[in-house]
């Protein structure tokens, strides 16, 4: 199964409406595009949140951003 990530045109539109990439004190911010692609991966694959590949960041971070 091929998982589609967000393309450049869609990303340019979407990034303007997302909150800033501010990390918590002492922690680096996570790239919003990486998180969005992790969320897309989860719903396209129909896998559990815990199975999100590391290339999208920690699964709990992707899940928490989705919940927000």
Protein backbone atom coordinates (compact mmCIF):
# COMPACT_ATOMS: atom_id res chain seq x y z
CA UNK A 1 0.00 0.00 0.00
CA UNK A 2 1.36 3.38 -0.99
CA UNK A 3 0.96 6.15 1.58
CA UNK A 4 0.58 9.63 0.10
CA UNK A 5 2.23 12.55 1.85
CA UNK A 6 1.15 16.16 1.50
CA UNK A 7 2.36 17.74 -1.73
CA UNK A 8 4.13 21.10 -2.00
CA UNK A 9 1.11 23.01 -3.34
CA UNK A 10 -1.20 21.78 -0.59
CA UNK A 11 1.47 22.38 2.05
CA UNK A 12 1.90 26.03 1.01
CA UNK A 13 -1.82 26.59 1.58
CA UNK A 14 -2.08 24.57 4.79
CA UNK A 15 0.98 25.95 6.60
CA UNK A 16 -0.53 29.44 6.72
CA UNK A 17 -3.41 28.27 8.93
CA UNK A 18 -1.44 26.06 11.33
CA UNK A 19 -0.11 27.37 14.65
CA UNK A 20 3.57 28.29 14.83
CA UNK A 21 6.11 25.54 15.42
CA UNK A 22 7.01 26.50 18.99
CA UNK A 23 8.64 23.81 21.09
CA UNK A 24 8.19 23.70 24.82
CA UNK A 25 10.93 25.20 26.94
CA UNK A 26 14.03 23.04 26.64
CA UNK A 27 12.61 21.03 23.73
CA UNK A 28 12.97 21.65 20.02
CA UNK A 29 9.89 22.22 17.90
CA UNK A 30 8.71 19.47 15.58
CA UNK A 31 8.16 20.28 11.91
CA UNK A 32 4.42 20.72 11.30
CA UNK A 33 4.69 19.09 7.88
CA UNK A 34 6.22 15.97 9.42
CA UNK A 35 3.37 15.79 11.94
CA UNK A 36 0.70 16.27 9.26
CA UNK A 37 2.27 13.51 7.17
CA UNK A 38 2.26 11.25 10.25
CA UNK A 39 -1.45 11.91 10.75
CA UNK A 40 -2.10 11.20 7.06
CA UNK A 41 -0.07 7.97 7.33
CA UNK A 42 -2.13 6.82 10.29
CA UNK A 43 -5.47 7.29 8.53
CA UNK A 44 -4.36 5.94 5.16
CA UNK A 45 -2.75 2.84 6.67
CA UNK A 46 -5.53 2.27 9.25
CA UNK A 47 -2.81 1.25 11.71
CA UNK A 48 -2.73 2.08 15.41
CA UNK A 49 -1.17 5.38 16.49
CA UNK A 50 1.69 3.45 18.11
CA UNK A 51 2.68 2.04 14.71
CA UNK A 52 3.45 5.41 13.10
CA UNK A 53 6.97 5.24 11.60
CA UNK A 54 9.70 7.19 13.42
CA UNK A 55 10.30 9.37 10.35
CA UNK A 56 7.15 11.28 11.36
CA UNK A 57 8.33 11.76 14.94
CA UNK A 58 7.25 10.03 18.10
CA UNK A 59 3.79 8.53 17.80
CA UNK A 60 2.56 10.27 20.96
CA UNK A 61 3.59 13.67 19.57
CA UNK A 62 1.73 13.03 16.31
CA UNK A 63 -1.33 11.85 18.26
CA UNK A 64 -1.30 14.82 20.64
CA UNK A 65 -1.09 17.29 17.75
CA UNK A 66 -4.00 15.50 16.07
CA UNK A 67 -6.05 15.73 19.28
CA UNK A 68 -5.38 19.49 19.55
